Every structure is written in C-alpha cells, then in structure tokens.
Amino acid sequence: MTEKIGTAAGAIWTALNENGAMNTKDLKKASKVKTDKELFLAMGWLLREDKLVVIEEGKEITVNLK
C-alpha cells in the first residue's frame, strides 16, 4: 500500500505542477488516482512533507503546491 500511495503522491504533485491549483475532484481526474481513499492518503503524504497548501471554501477543497 505504501508504494501505491507514494506513486499517487507523485502523480498528484505532477498534476498540480502542470495545472496549478485544483479542487479535489479535478485533481483526482488530472492525476488519474482511482479512489478517494488513495487521493486523500497521497495528499496526506504530501502535506506531511510540507509540499501542499489546502484551502477549504465551504464544501470545496482547493489544493496547490507550496
């Protein structure tokens, strides 16, 4: 599972680097991460490494690279 989440984290970082800030729905599509669970675990990985900025606006979550 760790390898799968690490791969997803790399895909998320690449998608954000290429496209800029995105909401989680668009980020999931752009990074081709299959499940919400994988998306949020990978985002947690990147947050722990201090590589993401997460902004919550109502029910929407926007993610960008630091």
PDB file of N, CA and C in Angstrom:
ATOM      1  N   MET A   1       0.827  -1.204   0.000  1.00  0.00           N
ATOM      2  CA  MET A   1       0.000   0.000   0.000  1.00  0.00           C
ATOM      3  C   MET A   1       0.864   1.258   0.000  1.00  0.00           C
ATOM      4  N   THR A   2       1.989   1.231   0.707  1.00  0.00           N
ATOM      5  CA  THR A   2       2.859   2.409   0.778  1.00  0.00           C
ATOM      6  C   THR A   2       3.358   2.803  -0.609  1.00  0.00           C
ATOM      7  N   GLU A   3       3.722   1.816  -1.408  1.00  0.00           N
ATOM      8  CA  GLU A   3       4.211   2.102  -2.762  1.00  0.00           C
ATOM      9  C   GLU A   3       3.107   2.724  -3.623  1.00  0.00           C
ATOM     10  N   LYS A   4       1.899   2.194  -3.496  1.00  0.00           N
ATOM     11  CA  LYS A   4       0.752   2.699  -4.259  1.00  0.00           C
ATOM     12  C   LYS A   4       0.458   4.154  -3.890  1.00  0.00           C
ATOM     13  N   ILE A   5       0.499   4.472  -2.614  1.00  0.00           N
ATOM     14  CA  ILE A   5       0.226   5.834  -2.157  1.00  0.00           C
ATOM     15  C   ILE A   5       1.362   6.767  -2.567  1.00  0.00           C
ATOM     16  N   GLY A   6       2.589   6.289  -2.508  1.00  0.00           N
ATOM     17  CA  GLY A   6       3.730   7.090  -2.959  1.00  0.00           C
ATOM     18  C   GLY A   6       3.632   7.420  -4.438  1.00  0.00           C
ATOM     19  N   THR A   7       3.202   6.458  -5.231  1.00  0.00           N
ATOM     20  CA  THR A   7       3.005   6.683  -6.662  1.00  0.00           C
ATOM     21  C   THR A   7       1.903   7.705  -6.897  1.00  0.00           C
ATOM     22  N   ALA A   8       0.818   7.584  -6.140  1.00  0.00           N
ATOM     23  CA  ALA A   8      -0.283   8.541  -6.252  1.00  0.00           C
ATOM     24  C   ALA A   8       0.173   9.940  -5.843  1.00  0.00           C
ATOM     25  N   ALA A   9       0.996  10.037  -4.807  1.00  0.00           N
ATOM     26  CA  ALA A   9       1.518  11.335  -4.366  1.00  0.00           C
ATOM     27  C   ALA A   9       2.339  11.978  -5.479  1.00  0.00           C
ATOM     28  N   GLY A  10       3.130  11.188  -6.157  1.00  0.00           N
ATOM     29  CA  GLY A  10       3.910  11.708  -7.285  1.00  0.00           C
ATOM     30  C   GLY A  10       3.019  12.183  -8.416  1.00  0.00           C
ATOM     31  N   ALA A  11       1.960  11.453  -8.694  1.00  0.00           N
ATOM     32  CA  ALA A  11       1.022  11.839  -9.752  1.00  0.00           C
ATOM     33  C   ALA A  11       0.291  13.130  -9.386  1.00  0.00           C
ATOM     34  N   ILE A  12      -0.065  13.277  -8.118  1.00  0.00           N
ATOM     35  CA  ILE A  12      -0.728  14.494  -7.646  1.00  0.00           C
ATOM     36  C   ILE A  12       0.212  15.683  -7.765  1.00  0.00           C
ATOM     37  N   TRP A  13       1.451  15.513  -7.331  1.00  0.00           N
ATOM     38  CA  TRP A  13       2.432  16.591  -7.417  1.00  0.00           C
ATOM     39  C   TRP A  13       2.620  17.021  -8.871  1.00  0.00           C
ATOM     40  N   THR A  14       2.734  16.060  -9.771  1.00  0.00           N
ATOM     41  CA  THR A  14       2.919  16.359 -11.198  1.00  0.00           C
ATOM     42  C   THR A  14       1.712  17.105 -11.761  1.00  0.00           C
ATOM     43  N   ALA A  15       0.508  16.651 -11.423  1.00  0.00           N
ATOM     44  CA  ALA A  15      -0.711  17.297 -11.919  1.00  0.00           C
ATOM     45  C   ALA A  15      -0.793  18.744 -11.433  1.00  0.00           C
ATOM     46  N   LEU A  16      -0.481  18.976 -10.173  1.00  0.00           N
ATOM     47  CA  LEU A  16      -0.519  20.338  -9.638  1.00  0.00           C
ATOM     48  C   LEU A  16       0.580  21.205 -10.238  1.00  0.00           C
ATOM     49  N   ASN A  17       1.743  20.625 -10.469  1.00  0.00           N
ATOM     50  CA  ASN A  17       2.857  21.355 -11.062  1.00  0.00           C
ATOM     51  C   ASN A  17       2.521  21.801 -12.484  1.00  0.00           C
ATOM     52  N   GLU A  18       1.820  20.957 -13.219  1.00  0.00           N
ATOM     53  CA  GLU A  18       1.467  21.257 -14.606  1.00  0.00           C
ATOM     54  C   GLU A  18       0.239  22.165 -14.737  1.00  0.00           C
ATOM     55  N   ASN A  19      -0.720  22.042 -13.811  1.00  0.00           N
ATOM     56  CA  ASN A  19      -2.007  22.720 -13.960  1.00  0.00           C
ATOM     57  C   ASN A  19      -2.296  23.806 -12.937  1.00  0.00           C
ATOM     58  N   GLY A  20      -1.539  23.887 -11.880  1.00  0.00           N
ATOM     59  CA  GLY A  20      -1.822  24.855 -10.825  1.00  0.00           C
ATOM     60  C   GLY A  20      -2.904  24.351  -9.884  1.00  0.00           C
ATOM     61  N   ALA A  21      -3.467  25.247  -9.099  1.00  0.00           N
ATOM     62  CA  ALA A  21      -4.447  24.899  -8.075  1.00  0.00           C
ATOM     63  C   ALA A  21      -5.669  24.219  -8.677  1.00  0.00           C
ATOM     64  N   MET A  22      -6.181  23.214  -7.963  1.00  0.00           N
ATOM     65  CA  MET A  22      -7.358  22.474  -8.413  1.00  0.00           C
ATOM     66  C   MET A  22      -8.178  22.046  -7.213  1.00  0.00           C
ATOM     67  N   ASN A  23      -9.476  21.831  -7.457  1.00  0.00           N
ATOM     68  CA  ASN A  23     -10.291  21.223  -6.414  1.00  0.00           C
ATOM     69  C   ASN A  23     -10.022  19.711  -6.430  1.00  0.00           C
ATOM     70  N   THR A  24     -10.478  19.021  -5.412  1.00  0.00           N
ATOM     71  CA  THR A  24     -10.132  17.600  -5.289  1.00  0.00           C
ATOM     72  C   THR A  24     -10.719  16.748  -6.409  1.00  0.00           C
ATOM     73  N   LYS A  25     -11.883  17.115  -6.901  1.00  0.00           N
ATOM     74  CA  LYS A  25     -12.494  16.354  -7.995  1.00  0.00           C
ATOM     75  C   LYS A  25     -11.633  16.444  -9.260  1.00  0.00           C
ATOM     76  N   ASP A  26     -11.224  17.661  -9.614  1.00  0.00           N
ATOM     77  CA  ASP A  26     -10.380  17.849 -10.794  1.00  0.00           C
ATOM     78  C   ASP A  26      -8.998  17.241 -10.593  1.00  0.00           C
ATOM     79  N   LEU A  27      -8.486  17.335  -9.377  1.00  0.00           N
ATOM     80  CA  LEU A  27      -7.176  16.766  -9.070  1.00  0.00           C
ATOM     81  C   LEU A  27      -7.197  15.251  -9.222  1.00  0.00           C
ATOM     82  N   LYS A  28      -8.260  14.628  -8.782  1.00  0.00           N
ATOM     83  CA  LYS A  28      -8.390  13.172  -8.914  1.00  0.00           C
ATOM     84  C   LYS A  28      -8.357  12.772 -10.389  1.00  0.00           C
ATOM     85  N   LYS A  29      -9.078  13.518 -11.228  1.00  0.00           N
ATOM     86  CA  LYS A  29      -9.082  13.235 -12.672  1.00  0.00           C
ATOM     87  C   LYS A  29      -7.713  13.473 -13.292  1.00  0.00           C
ATOM     88  N   ALA A  30      -7.119  14.636 -12.995  1.00  0.00           N
ATOM     89  CA  ALA A  30      -5.845  15.008 -13.614  1.00  0.00           C
ATOM     90  C   ALA A  30      -4.703  14.076 -13.217  1.00  0.00           C
ATOM     91  N   SER A  31      -4.739  13.590 -11.991  1.00  0.00           N
ATOM     92  CA  SER A  31      -3.662  12.714 -11.511  1.00  0.00           C
ATOM     93  C   SER A  31      -3.941  11.242 -11.809  1.00  0.00           C
ATOM     94  N   LYS A  32      -5.163  10.959 -12.270  1.00  0.00           N
ATOM     95  CA  LYS A  32      -5.588   9.592 -12.590  1.00  0.00           C
ATOM     96  C   LYS A  32      -5.526   8.660 -11.386  1.00  0.00           C
ATOM     97  N   VAL A  33      -5.745   9.223 -10.193  1.00  0.00           N
ATOM     98  CA  VAL A  33      -5.854   8.432  -8.971  1.00  0.00           C
ATOM     99  C   VAL A  33      -7.225   7.788  -8.982  1.00  0.00           C
ATOM    100  N   LYS A  34      -7.294   6.499  -8.655  1.00  0.00           N
ATOM    101  CA  LYS A  34      -8.528   5.733  -8.837  1.00  0.00           C
ATOM    102  C   LYS A  34      -9.596   5.952  -7.775  1.00  0.00           C
ATOM    103  N   THR A  35      -9.210   6.084  -6.514  1.00  0.00           N
ATOM    104  CA  THR A  35     -10.209   6.175  -5.449  1.00  0.00           C
ATOM    105  C   THR A  35      -9.987   7.422  -4.590  1.00  0.00           C
ATOM    106  N   ASP A  36     -11.050   7.850  -3.918  1.00  0.00           N
ATOM    107  CA  ASP A  36     -10.928   8.982  -2.996  1.00  0.00           C
ATOM    108  C   ASP A  36      -9.951   8.647  -1.873  1.00  0.00           C
ATOM    109  N   LYS A  37      -9.984   7.406  -1.411  1.00  0.00           N
ATOM    110  CA  LYS A  37      -9.091   6.990  -0.329  1.00  0.00           C
ATOM    111  C   LYS A  37      -7.628   7.182  -0.730  1.00  0.00           C
ATOM    112  N   GLU A  38      -7.268   6.743  -1.933  1.00  0.00           N
ATOM    113  CA  GLU A  38      -5.896   6.915  -2.422  1.00  0.00           C
ATOM    114  C   GLU A  38      -5.557   8.400  -2.549  1.00  0.00           C
ATOM    115  N   LEU A  39      -6.503   9.191  -3.061  1.00  0.00           N
ATOM    116  CA  LEU A  39      -6.275  10.622  -3.234  1.00  0.00           C
ATOM    117  C   LEU A  39      -5.951  11.284  -1.897  1.00  0.00           C
ATOM    118  N   PHE A  40      -6.778  11.023  -0.897  1.00  0.00           N
ATOM    119  CA  PHE A  40      -6.588  11.697   0.390  1.00  0.00           C
ATOM    120  C   PHE A  40      -5.390  11.159   1.164  1.00  0.00           C
ATOM    121  N   LEU A  41      -5.081   9.874   1.028  1.00  0.00           N
ATOM    122  CA  LEU A  41      -3.866   9.350   1.653  1.00  0.00           C
ATOM    123  C   LEU A  41      -2.624   9.979   1.016  1.00  0.00           C
ATOM    124  N   ALA A  42      -2.628  10.101  -0.303  1.00  0.00           N
ATOM    125  CA  ALA A  42      -1.496  10.698  -1.006  1.00  0.00           C
ATOM    126  C   ALA A  42      -1.374  12.190  -0.678  1.00  0.00           C
ATOM    127  N   MET A  43      -2.510  12.871  -0.566  1.00  0.00           N
ATOM    128  CA  MET A  43      -2.465  14.274  -0.162  1.00  0.00           C
ATOM    129  C   MET A  43      -1.889  14.403   1.247  1.00  0.00           C
ATOM    130  N   GLY A  44      -2.251  13.495   2.122  1.00  0.00           N
ATOM    131  CA  GLY A  44      -1.692  13.490   3.470  1.00  0.00           C
ATOM    132  C   GLY A  44      -0.188  13.312   3.450  1.00  0.00           C
ATOM    133  N   TRP A  45       0.290  12.453   2.577  1.00  0.00           N
ATOM    134  CA  TRP A  45       1.725  12.223   2.408  1.00  0.00           C
ATOM    135  C   TRP A  45       2.405  13.554   2.030  1.00  0.00           C
ATOM    136  N   LEU A  46       1.845  14.228   1.026  1.00  0.00           N
ATOM    137  CA  LEU A  46       2.432  15.484   0.561  1.00  0.00           C
ATOM    138  C   LEU A  46       2.289  16.597   1.599  1.00  0.00           C
ATOM    139  N   LEU A  47       1.198  16.597   2.346  1.00  0.00           N
ATOM    140  CA  LEU A  47       1.043  17.579   3.428  1.00  0.00           C
ATOM    141  C   LEU A  47       2.094  17.354   4.506  1.00  0.00           C
ATOM    142  N   ARG A  48       2.344  16.113   4.834  1.00  0.00           N
ATOM    143  CA  ARG A  48       3.343  15.789   5.854  1.00  0.00           C
ATOM    144  C   ARG A  48       4.734  16.240   5.418  1.00  0.00           C
ATOM    145  N   GLU A  49       4.986  16.181   4.108  1.00  0.00           N
ATOM    146  CA  GLU A  49       6.264  16.643   3.566  1.00  0.00           C
ATOM    147  C   GLU A  49       6.268  18.157   3.330  1.00  0.00           C
ATOM    148  N   ASP A  50       5.189  18.832   3.719  1.00  0.00           N
ATOM    149  CA  ASP A  50       5.050  20.287   3.611  1.00  0.00           C
ATOM    150  C   ASP A  50       5.146  20.767   2.164  1.00  0.00           C
ATOM    151  N   LYS A  51       4.502  20.023   1.246  1.00  0.00           N
ATOM    152  CA  LYS A  51       4.545  20.368  -0.169  1.00  0.00           C
ATOM    153  C   LYS A  51       3.228  20.900  -0.710  1.00  0.00           C
ATOM    154  N   LEU A  52       2.172  20.877   0.102  1.00  0.00           N
ATOM    155  CA  LEU A  52       0.854  21.314  -0.354  1.00  0.00           C
ATOM    156  C   LEU A  52       0.298  22.443   0.494  1.00  0.00           C
ATOM    157  N   VAL A  53      -0.579  23.207  -0.144  1.00  0.00           N
ATOM    158  CA  VAL A  53      -1.421  24.181   0.544  1.00  0.00           C
ATOM    159  C   VAL A  53      -2.854  23.733   0.281  1.00  0.00           C
ATOM    160  N   VAL A  54      -3.642  23.598   1.338  1.00  0.00           N
ATOM    161  CA  VAL A  54      -5.033  23.176   1.209  1.00  0.00           C
ATOM    162  C   VAL A  54      -5.917  24.297   1.741  1.00  0.00           C
ATOM    163  N   ILE A  55      -6.876  24.711   0.904  1.00  0.00           N
ATOM    164  CA  ILE A  55      -7.801  25.779   1.284  1.00  0.00           C
ATOM    165  C   ILE A  55      -9.213  25.219   1.224  1.00  0.00           C
ATOM    166  N   GLU A  56      -9.931  25.363   2.330  1.00  0.00           N
ATOM    167  CA  GLU A  56     -11.313  24.902   2.397  1.00  0.00           C
ATOM    168  C   GLU A  56     -12.234  26.110   2.264  1.00  0.00           C
ATOM    169  N   GLU A  57     -13.076  26.080   1.234  1.00  0.00           N
ATOM    170  CA  GLU A  57     -14.036  27.155   0.996  1.00  0.00           C
ATOM    171  C   GLU A  57     -15.421  26.535   0.948  1.00  0.00           C
ATOM    172  N   GLY A  58     -16.143  26.609   2.047  1.00  0.00           N
ATOM    173  CA  GLY A  58     -17.431  25.929   2.143  1.00  0.00           C
ATOM    174  C   GLY A  58     -17.219  24.427   2.088  1.00  0.00           C
ATOM    175  N   LYS A  59     -17.844  23.766   1.116  1.00  0.00           N
ATOM    176  CA  LYS A  59     -17.677  22.327   0.962  1.00  0.00           C
ATOM    177  C   LYS A  59     -16.563  21.977  -0.015  1.00  0.00           C
ATOM    178  N   GLU A  60     -15.998  22.972  -0.659  1.00  0.00           N
ATOM    179  CA  GLU A  60     -14.966  22.772  -1.677  1.00  0.00           C
ATOM    180  C   GLU A  60     -13.581  22.833  -1.052  1.00  0.00           C
ATOM    181  N   ILE A  61     -12.699  21.936  -1.470  1.00  0.00           N
ATOM    182  CA  ILE A  61     -11.313  21.927  -1.038  1.00  0.00           C
ATOM    183  C   ILE A  61     -10.442  22.190  -2.262  1.00  0.00           C
ATOM    184  N   THR A  62      -9.607  23.228  -2.191  1.00  0.00           N
ATOM    185  CA  THR A  62      -8.679  23.554  -3.263  1.00  0.00           C
ATOM    186  C   THR A  62      -7.264  23.230  -2.792  1.00  0.00           C
ATOM    187  N   VAL A  63      -6.505  22.598  -3.689  1.00  0.00           N
ATOM    188  CA  VAL A  63      -5.162  22.140  -3.363  1.00  0.00           C
ATOM    189  C   VAL A  63      -4.175  22.787  -4.326  1.00  0.00           C
ATOM    190  N   ASN A  64      -3.010  23.211  -3.816  1.00  0.00           N
ATOM    191  CA  ASN A  64      -1.955  23.760  -4.646  1.00  0.00           C
ATOM    192  C   ASN A  64      -0.604  23.408  -4.041  1.00  0.00           C
ATOM    193  N   LEU A  65       0.428  23.501  -4.845  1.00  0.00           N
ATOM    194  CA  LEU A  65       1.789  23.291  -4.343  1.00  0.00           C
ATOM    195  C   LEU A  65       2.258  24.524  -3.593  1.00  0.00           C
ATOM    196  N   LYS A  66       3.129  24.315  -2.616  1.00  0.00           N
ATOM    197  CA  LYS A  66       3.721  25.443  -1.882  1.00  0.00           C
ATOM    198  C   LYS A  66       4.743  26.109  -2.762  1.00  0.00           C
TER     199      LYS A  66
END
